[in-house]
């Protein structure tokens, strides 16, 4: 198990890297119609984790408050862009070494 320390991000407190179990949540505004919330939790923050669980990553792409659409084409475009942003956020968390260990199932 490698845990969150193998992911492609750093957390520091008072300039010192933090190397402890963590539960990190952050919001990124990716455009006028897309926001993302990224949640990363060390195994210690997961109830009844599977034996081989290292960390949990949850990524939500959503619209900002007040957004609405009744246009099907616009909705499909929004969904397509949301899917691309989700992939960018996820794969951006993986180091090149970690990406090389992935296998497609």
Foldseek 3Di string as FASTA:
>chain_A
DAALVQWDDFDDDPNHTDDDWDWDWDKDDPDQFKIKIKIKGAPVPDPPDDPPDGIDIDMDIGGDPPDDDPDPVVVVVSVVVSVVVVVCVVVNGHDPVRVVPDDDD
